[in-house]
Amino acid sequence: KNIEIRGCLQTRKIISNIKQADEQDYYEEYLGPI
């Protein structure tokens, strides 16, 4: 469904090819495919 994942370090160890989440991501209302 073309949803981009931004994950913590542990998440990135389990699923590959995703972006690293920074603290702002945890506050964010994306209103989009993220």
All heavy atoms as atom14 arrays in JSON, in Angstrom:
{
  "sequence": "KNIEIRGCLQTRKIISNIKQADEQDYYEEYLGPI",
  "atom14_mask": [
    [1, 1, 1, 1, 1, 1, 1, 1, 1, 0, 0, 0, 0, 0],
    [1, 1, 1, 1, 1, 1, 1, 1, 0, 0, 0, 0, 0, 0],
    [1, 1, 1, 1, 1, 1, 1, 1, 0, 0, 0, 0, 0, 0],
    [1, 1, 1, 1, 1, 1, 1, 1, 1, 0, 0, 0, 0, 0],
    [1, 1, 1, 1, 1, 1, 1, 1, 0, 0, 0, 0, 0, 0],
    [1, 1, 1, 1, 1, 1, 1, 1, 1, 1, 1, 0, 0, 0],
    [1, 1, 1, 1, 0, 0, 0, 0, 0, 0, 0, 0, 0, 0],
    [1, 1, 1, 1, 1, 1, 0, 0, 0, 0, 0, 0, 0, 0],
    [1, 1, 1, 1, 1, 1, 1, 1, 0, 0, 0, 0, 0, 0],
    [1, 1, 1, 1, 1, 1, 1, 1, 1, 0, 0, 0, 0, 0],
    [1, 1, 1, 1, 1, 1, 1, 0, 0, 0, 0, 0, 0, 0],
    [1, 1, 1, 1, 1, 1, 1, 1, 1, 1, 1, 0, 0, 0],
    [1, 1, 1, 1, 1, 1, 1, 1, 1, 0, 0, 0, 0, 0],
    [1, 1, 1, 1, 1, 1, 1, 1, 0, 0, 0, 0, 0, 0],
    [1, 1, 1, 1, 1, 1, 1, 1, 0, 0, 0, 0, 0, 0],
    [1, 1, 1, 1, 1, 1, 0, 0, 0, 0, 0, 0, 0, 0],
    [1, 1, 1, 1, 1, 1, 1, 1, 0, 0, 0, 0, 0, 0],
    [1, 1, 1, 1, 1, 1, 1, 1, 0, 0, 0, 0, 0, 0],
    [1, 1, 1, 1, 1, 1, 1, 1, 1, 0, 0, 0, 0, 0],
    [1, 1, 1, 1, 1, 1, 1, 1, 1, 0, 0, 0, 0, 0],
    [1, 1, 1, 1, 1, 0, 0, 0, 0, 0, 0, 0, 0, 0],
    [1, 1, 1, 1, 1, 1, 1, 1, 0, 0, 0, 0, 0, 0],
    [1, 1, 1, 1, 1, 1, 1, 1, 1, 0, 0, 0, 0, 0],
    [1, 1, 1, 1, 1, 1, 1, 1, 1, 0, 0, 0, 0, 0],
    [1, 1, 1, 1, 1, 1, 1, 1, 0, 0, 0, 0, 0, 0],
    [1, 1, 1, 1, 1, 1, 1, 1, 1, 1, 1, 1, 0, 0],
    [1, 1, 1, 1, 1, 1, 1, 1, 1, 1, 1, 1, 0, 0],
    [1, 1, 1, 1, 1, 1, 1, 1, 1, 0, 0, 0, 0, 0],
    [1, 1, 1, 1, 1, 1, 1, 1, 1, 0, 0, 0, 0, 0],
    [1, 1, 1, 1, 1, 1, 1, 1, 1, 1, 1, 1, 0, 0],
    [1, 1, 1, 1, 1, 1, 1, 1, 0, 0, 0, 0, 0, 0],
    [1, 1, 1, 1, 0, 0, 0, 0, 0, 0, 0, 0, 0, 0],
    [1, 1, 1, 1, 1, 1, 1, 0, 0, 0, 0, 0, 0, 0],
    [1, 1, 1, 1, 1, 1, 1, 1, 0, 0, 0, 0, 0, 0]
  ],
  "atom14_positions": [
    [[0.82, -1.22, 0.0], [0.0, 0.0, 0.0], [0.85, 1.27, 0.0], [0.34, 2.36, 0.22], [-0.96, -0.02, 1.18], [-1.93, -1.2, 1.13], [-3.08, -1.08, 2.09], [-4.07, -2.22, 1.9], [-5.28, -2.09, 2.74], [0.0, 0.0, 0.0], [0.0, 0.0, 0.0], [0.0, 0.0, 0.0], [0.0, 0.0, 0.0], [0.0, 0.0, 0.0]],
    [[2.14, 1.11, -0.24], [3.07, 2.24, -0.37], [3.1, 3.12, 0.88], [3.12, 4.36, 0.79], [2.72, 3.08, -1.6], [2.86, 2.29, -2.89], [3.88, 1.63, -3.09], [1.86, 2.36, -3.75], [0.0, 0.0, 0.0], [0.0, 0.0, 0.0], [0.0, 0.0, 0.0], [0.0, 0.0, 0.0], [0.0, 0.0, 0.0], [0.0, 0.0, 0.0]],
    [[3.09, 2.49, 2.05], [3.22, 3.2, 3.31], [4.68, 3.16, 3.75], [5.25, 2.08, 3.92], [2.32, 2.59, 4.41], [0.85, 2.55, 3.97], [2.48, 3.37, 5.72], [0.22, 3.9, 3.74], [0.0, 0.0, 0.0], [0.0, 0.0, 0.0], [0.0, 0.0, 0.0], [0.0, 0.0, 0.0], [0.0, 0.0, 0.0], [0.0, 0.0, 0.0]],
    [[5.28, 4.31, 3.94], [6.68, 4.39, 4.38], [6.75, 4.19, 5.9], [5.99, 4.8, 6.65], [7.25, 5.76, 4.02], [8.67, 5.99, 4.53], [9.13, 7.42, 4.33], [8.82, 8.02, 3.28], [9.78, 7.96, 5.26], [0.0, 0.0, 0.0], [0.0, 0.0, 0.0], [0.0, 0.0, 0.0], [0.0, 0.0, 0.0], [0.0, 0.0, 0.0]],
    [[7.65, 3.31, 6.32], [7.85, 3.05, 7.75], [9.11, 3.77, 8.23], [10.16, 3.7, 7.59], [7.99, 1.54, 8.02], [6.7, 0.8, 7.65], [8.34, 1.29, 9.5], [6.83, -0.72, 7.74], [0.0, 0.0, 0.0], [0.0, 0.0, 0.0], [0.0, 0.0, 0.0], [0.0, 0.0, 0.0], [0.0, 0.0, 0.0], [0.0, 0.0, 0.0]],
    [[8.98, 4.45, 9.36], [10.12, 5.03, 10.05], [10.21, 4.38, 11.42], [9.31, 4.57, 12.25], [9.98, 6.55, 10.15], [9.92, 7.22, 8.78], [9.81, 8.72, 8.87], [9.68, 9.31, 7.54], [9.51, 10.61, 7.3], [9.47, 11.46, 8.33], [9.39, 11.07, 6.06], [0.0, 0.0, 0.0], [0.0, 0.0, 0.0], [0.0, 0.0, 0.0]],
    [[11.26, 3.57, 11.63], [11.3, 2.75, 12.82], [12.47, 3.03, 13.74], [13.49, 3.6, 13.34], [0.0, 0.0, 0.0], [0.0, 0.0, 0.0], [0.0, 0.0, 0.0], [0.0, 0.0, 0.0], [0.0, 0.0, 0.0], [0.0, 0.0, 0.0], [0.0, 0.0, 0.0], [0.0, 0.0, 0.0], [0.0, 0.0, 0.0], [0.0, 0.0, 0.0]],
    [[12.33, 2.56, 14.99], [13.41, 2.65, 15.95], [14.5, 1.64, 15.59], [14.34, 0.82, 14.68], [12.88, 2.39, 17.36], [12.32, 0.69, 17.62], [0.0, 0.0, 0.0], [0.0, 0.0, 0.0], [0.0, 0.0, 0.0], [0.0, 0.0, 0.0], [0.0, 0.0, 0.0], [0.0, 0.0, 0.0], [0.0, 0.0, 0.0], [0.0, 0.0, 0.0]],
    [[15.6, 1.67, 16.3], [16.74, 0.79, 16.01], [16.34, -0.68, 16.07], [16.71, -1.48, 15.2], [17.88, 1.08, 16.99], [19.2, 0.33, 16.74], [19.76, 0.71, 15.36], [20.2, 0.67, 17.84], [0.0, 0.0, 0.0], [0.0, 0.0, 0.0], [0.0, 0.0, 0.0], [0.0, 0.0, 0.0], [0.0, 0.0, 0.0], [0.0, 0.0, 0.0]],
    [[15.56, -1.06, 17.09], [15.12, -2.46, 17.23], [14.22, -2.87, 16.06], [14.31, -3.99, 15.57], [14.37, -2.64, 18.55], [15.25, -2.6, 19.78], [14.4, -2.68, 21.04], [13.83, -1.67, 21.46], [14.32, -3.85, 21.62], [0.0, 0.0, 0.0], [0.0, 0.0, 0.0], [0.0, 0.0, 0.0], [0.0, 0.0, 0.0], [0.0, 0.0, 0.0]],
    [[13.36, -1.95, 15.64], [12.48, -2.24, 14.5], [13.31, -2.51, 13.25], [13.03, -3.43, 12.48], [11.52, -1.06, 14.25], [10.73, -0.84, 15.42], [10.59, -1.34, 13.07], [0.0, 0.0, 0.0], [0.0, 0.0, 0.0], [0.0, 0.0, 0.0], [0.0, 0.0, 0.0], [0.0, 0.0, 0.0], [0.0, 0.0, 0.0], [0.0, 0.0, 0.0]],
    [[14.35, -1.71, 13.05], [15.18, -1.83, 11.85], [16.02, -3.12, 11.87], [16.47, -3.57, 10.81], [16.09, -0.61, 11.72], [15.31, 0.69, 11.5], [16.24, 1.87, 11.37], [16.92, 1.87, 10.08], [18.1, 2.43, 9.86], [18.74, 3.0, 10.86], [18.63, 2.4, 8.67], [0.0, 0.0, 0.0], [0.0, 0.0, 0.0], [0.0, 0.0, 0.0]],
    [[16.19, -3.72, 13.03], [16.9, -5.0, 13.11], [16.0, -6.16, 12.66], [16.49, -7.21, 12.23], [17.38, -5.25, 14.54], [18.55, -4.36, 14.96], [18.96, -4.64, 16.4], [20.12, -3.76, 16.83], [20.49, -3.99, 18.26], [0.0, 0.0, 0.0], [0.0, 0.0, 0.0], [0.0, 0.0, 0.0], [0.0, 0.0, 0.0], [0.0, 0.0, 0.0]],
    [[14.69, -5.94, 12.78], [13.73, -7.0, 12.42], [13.26, -6.86, 10.98], [13.13, -7.86, 10.25], [12.52, -6.98, 13.39], [12.99, -7.29, 14.81], [11.44, -7.97, 12.95], [11.92, -7.11, 15.86], [0.0, 0.0, 0.0], [0.0, 0.0, 0.0], [0.0, 0.0, 0.0], [0.0, 0.0, 0.0], [0.0, 0.0, 0.0], [0.0, 0.0, 0.0]],
    [[13.01, -5.64, 10.53], [12.58, -5.41, 9.14], [13.57, -4.46, 8.47], [13.93, -3.44, 9.03], [11.13, -4.88, 9.05], [10.92, -3.66, 9.95], [10.13, -5.97, 9.42], [9.52, -3.05, 9.85], [0.0, 0.0, 0.0], [0.0, 0.0, 0.0], [0.0, 0.0, 0.0], [0.0, 0.0, 0.0], [0.0, 0.0, 0.0], [0.0, 0.0, 0.0]],
    [[13.98, -4.8, 7.29], [15.03, -4.03, 6.6], [14.44, -2.99, 5.66], [13.23, -2.96, 5.41], [15.93, -4.99, 5.81], [15.14, -5.73, 4.88], [0.0, 0.0, 0.0], [0.0, 0.0, 0.0], [0.0, 0.0, 0.0], [0.0, 0.0, 0.0], [0.0, 0.0, 0.0], [0.0, 0.0, 0.0], [0.0, 0.0, 0.0], [0.0, 0.0, 0.0]],
    [[15.31, -2.15, 5.16], [14.96, -1.14, 4.16], [13.88, -0.18, 4.65], [12.92, 0.14, 3.92], [14.5, -1.81, 2.85], [15.58, -2.67, 2.24], [16.75, -2.29, 2.22], [15.2, -3.86, 1.77], [0.0, 0.0, 0.0], [0.0, 0.0, 0.0], [0.0, 0.0, 0.0], [0.0, 0.0, 0.0], [0.0, 0.0, 0.0], [0.0, 0.0, 0.0]],
    [[14.01, 0.25, 5.9], [13.12, 1.29, 6.41], [13.98, 2.42, 6.97], [15.14, 2.22, 7.33], [12.15, 0.77, 7.49], [12.92, 0.32, 8.75], [11.28, -0.34, 6.96], [12.04, 0.07, 9.95], [0.0, 0.0, 0.0], [0.0, 0.0, 0.0], [0.0, 0.0, 0.0], [0.0, 0.0, 0.0], [0.0, 0.0, 0.0], [0.0, 0.0, 0.0]],
    [[13.4, 3.6, 7.06], [14.13, 4.76, 7.56], [14.21, 4.74, 9.09], [13.33, 4.19, 9.76], [13.44, 6.06, 7.12], [13.57, 6.35, 5.63], [13.0, 7.73, 5.3], [13.2, 8.07, 3.84], [12.67, 9.41, 3.5], [0.0, 0.0, 0.0], [0.0, 0.0, 0.0], [0.0, 0.0, 0.0], [0.0, 0.0, 0.0], [0.0, 0.0, 0.0]],
    [[15.25, 5.36, 9.6], [15.4, 5.53, 11.05], [14.45, 6.63, 11.53], [14.42, 7.72, 10.97], [16.84, 5.91, 11.39], [17.08, 6.26, 12.85], [17.07, 5.04, 13.76], [17.63, 4.01, 13.42], [16.41, 5.17, 14.91], [0.0, 0.0, 0.0], [0.0, 0.0, 0.0], [0.0, 0.0, 0.0], [0.0, 0.0, 0.0], [0.0, 0.0, 0.0]],
    [[13.67, 6.33, 12.55], [12.79, 7.34, 13.14], [13.59, 8.22, 14.08], [14.41, 7.73, 14.86], [11.65, 6.67, 13.9], [0.0, 0.0, 0.0], [0.0, 0.0, 0.0], [0.0, 0.0, 0.0], [0.0, 0.0, 0.0], [0.0, 0.0, 0.0], [0.0, 0.0, 0.0], [0.0, 0.0, 0.0], [0.0, 0.0, 0.0], [0.0, 0.0, 0.0]],
    [[13.37, 9.53, 13.99], [13.94, 10.42, 15.01], [12.82, 10.84, 15.95], [11.66, 10.47, 15.77], [14.63, 11.63, 14.38], [13.7, 12.48, 13.52], [12.48, 12.47, 13.79], [14.19, 13.15, 12.6], [0.0, 0.0, 0.0], [0.0, 0.0, 0.0], [0.0, 0.0, 0.0], [0.0, 0.0, 0.0], [0.0, 0.0, 0.0], [0.0, 0.0, 0.0]],
    [[13.16, 11.59, 16.98], [12.15, 11.91, 18.0], [10.97, 12.67, 17.43], [9.82, 12.46, 17.84], [12.78, 12.68, 19.16], [11.78, 12.84, 20.31], [12.41, 13.37, 21.58], [13.44, 14.06, 21.49], [11.85, 13.12, 22.65], [0.0, 0.0, 0.0], [0.0, 0.0, 0.0], [0.0, 0.0, 0.0], [0.0, 0.0, 0.0], [0.0, 0.0, 0.0]],
    [[11.19, 13.54, 16.46], [10.1, 14.31, 15.87], [9.07, 13.4, 15.22], [7.87, 13.71, 15.21], [10.65, 15.31, 14.85], [9.59, 16.23, 14.23], [8.8, 17.0, 15.27], [9.34, 17.48, 16.26], [7.49, 17.11, 15.06], [0.0, 0.0, 0.0], [0.0, 0.0, 0.0], [0.0, 0.0, 0.0], [0.0, 0.0, 0.0], [0.0, 0.0, 0.0]],
    [[9.53, 12.27, 14.67], [8.59, 11.33, 14.04], [7.55, 10.84, 15.04], [6.39, 10.61, 14.67], [9.34, 10.13, 13.46], [10.03, 10.46, 12.15], [9.35, 10.95, 11.23], [11.25, 10.26, 12.06], [0.0, 0.0, 0.0], [0.0, 0.0, 0.0], [0.0, 0.0, 0.0], [0.0, 0.0, 0.0], [0.0, 0.0, 0.0], [0.0, 0.0, 0.0]],
    [[7.94, 10.69, 16.29], [6.99, 10.18, 17.3], [5.95, 11.22, 17.69], [4.9, 10.88, 18.24], [7.75, 9.68, 18.53], [8.7, 8.56, 18.23], [10.01, 8.59, 18.68], [8.3, 7.45, 17.47], [10.9, 7.56, 18.4], [9.18, 6.42, 17.18], [10.49, 6.48, 17.63], [11.36, 5.46, 17.34], [0.0, 0.0, 0.0], [0.0, 0.0, 0.0]],
    [[6.21, 12.48, 17.38], [5.24, 13.55, 17.63], [4.36, 13.83, 16.41], [3.34, 14.52, 16.52], [5.96, 14.86, 17.97], [6.55, 14.95, 19.35], [7.93, 14.92, 19.53], [5.74, 15.08, 20.48], [8.49, 15.03, 20.8], [6.29, 15.18, 21.75], [7.66, 15.15, 21.91], [8.21, 15.26, 23.18], [0.0, 0.0, 0.0], [0.0, 0.0, 0.0]],
    [[4.73, 13.32, 15.26], [4.2, 13.81, 13.98], [2.81, 13.27, 13.63], [2.52, 12.08, 13.77], [5.17, 13.43, 12.86], [4.96, 14.19, 11.56], [5.3, 15.67, 11.69], [6.28, 16.01, 12.4], [4.59, 16.48, 11.09], [0.0, 0.0, 0.0], [0.0, 0.0, 0.0], [0.0, 0.0, 0.0], [0.0, 0.0, 0.0], [0.0, 0.0, 0.0]],
    [[1.94, 14.19, 13.18], [0.7, 13.8, 12.5], [1.0, 13.91, 11.0], [1.01, 14.99, 10.44], [-0.46, 14.73, 12.87], [-1.76, 14.34, 12.19], [-2.87, 15.38, 12.36], [-2.55, 16.58, 12.44], [-4.05, 14.99, 12.41], [0.0, 0.0, 0.0], [0.0, 0.0, 0.0], [0.0, 0.0, 0.0], [0.0, 0.0, 0.0], [0.0, 0.0, 0.0]],
    [[1.25, 12.79, 10.36], [1.72, 12.81, 8.97], [0.62, 13.2, 7.98], [0.89, 13.86, 6.98], [2.27, 11.44, 8.58], [3.49, 11.0, 9.36], [3.41, 9.96, 10.28], [4.72, 11.63, 9.18], [4.52, 9.54, 10.99], [5.84, 11.23, 9.89], [5.73, 10.18, 10.8], [6.82, 9.78, 11.51], [0.0, 0.0, 0.0], [0.0, 0.0, 0.0]],
    [[-0.61, 12.73, 8.23], [-1.71, 12.94, 7.27], [-1.29, 12.5, 5.87], [-1.6, 13.13, 4.87], [-2.15, 14.41, 7.25], [-2.76, 14.94, 8.55], [-3.03, 16.44, 8.44], [-4.05, 14.21, 8.91], [0.0, 0.0, 0.0], [0.0, 0.0, 0.0], [0.0, 0.0, 0.0], [0.0, 0.0, 0.0], [0.0, 0.0, 0.0], [0.0, 0.0, 0.0]],
    [[-0.58, 11.39, 5.82], [-0.07, 10.89, 4.56], [0.46, 9.47, 4.72], [0.34, 8.85, 5.79], [0.0, 0.0, 0.0], [0.0, 0.0, 0.0], [0.0, 0.0, 0.0], [0.0, 0.0, 0.0], [0.0, 0.0, 0.0], [0.0, 0.0, 0.0], [0.0, 0.0, 0.0], [0.0, 0.0, 0.0], [0.0, 0.0, 0.0], [0.0, 0.0, 0.0]],
    [[1.11, 8.92, 3.69], [1.53, 7.51, 3.67], [2.83, 7.24, 4.43], [3.79, 6.67, 3.89], [1.67, 7.22, 2.18], [2.09, 8.53, 1.6], [1.36, 9.58, 2.38], [0.0, 0.0, 0.0], [0.0, 0.0, 0.0], [0.0, 0.0, 0.0], [0.0, 0.0, 0.0], [0.0, 0.0, 0.0], [0.0, 0.0, 0.0], [0.0, 0.0, 0.0]],
    [[2.89, 7.64, 5.69], [4.06, 7.44, 6.54], [3.57, 7.01, 7.92], [2.53, 7.49, 8.39], [4.9, 8.72, 6.69], [5.28, 9.3, 5.32], [6.16, 8.46, 7.52], [5.93, 10.68, 5.39], [0.0, 0.0, 0.0], [0.0, 0.0, 0.0], [0.0, 0.0, 0.0], [0.0, 0.0, 0.0], [0.0, 0.0, 0.0], [0.0, 0.0, 0.0]]
  ]
}
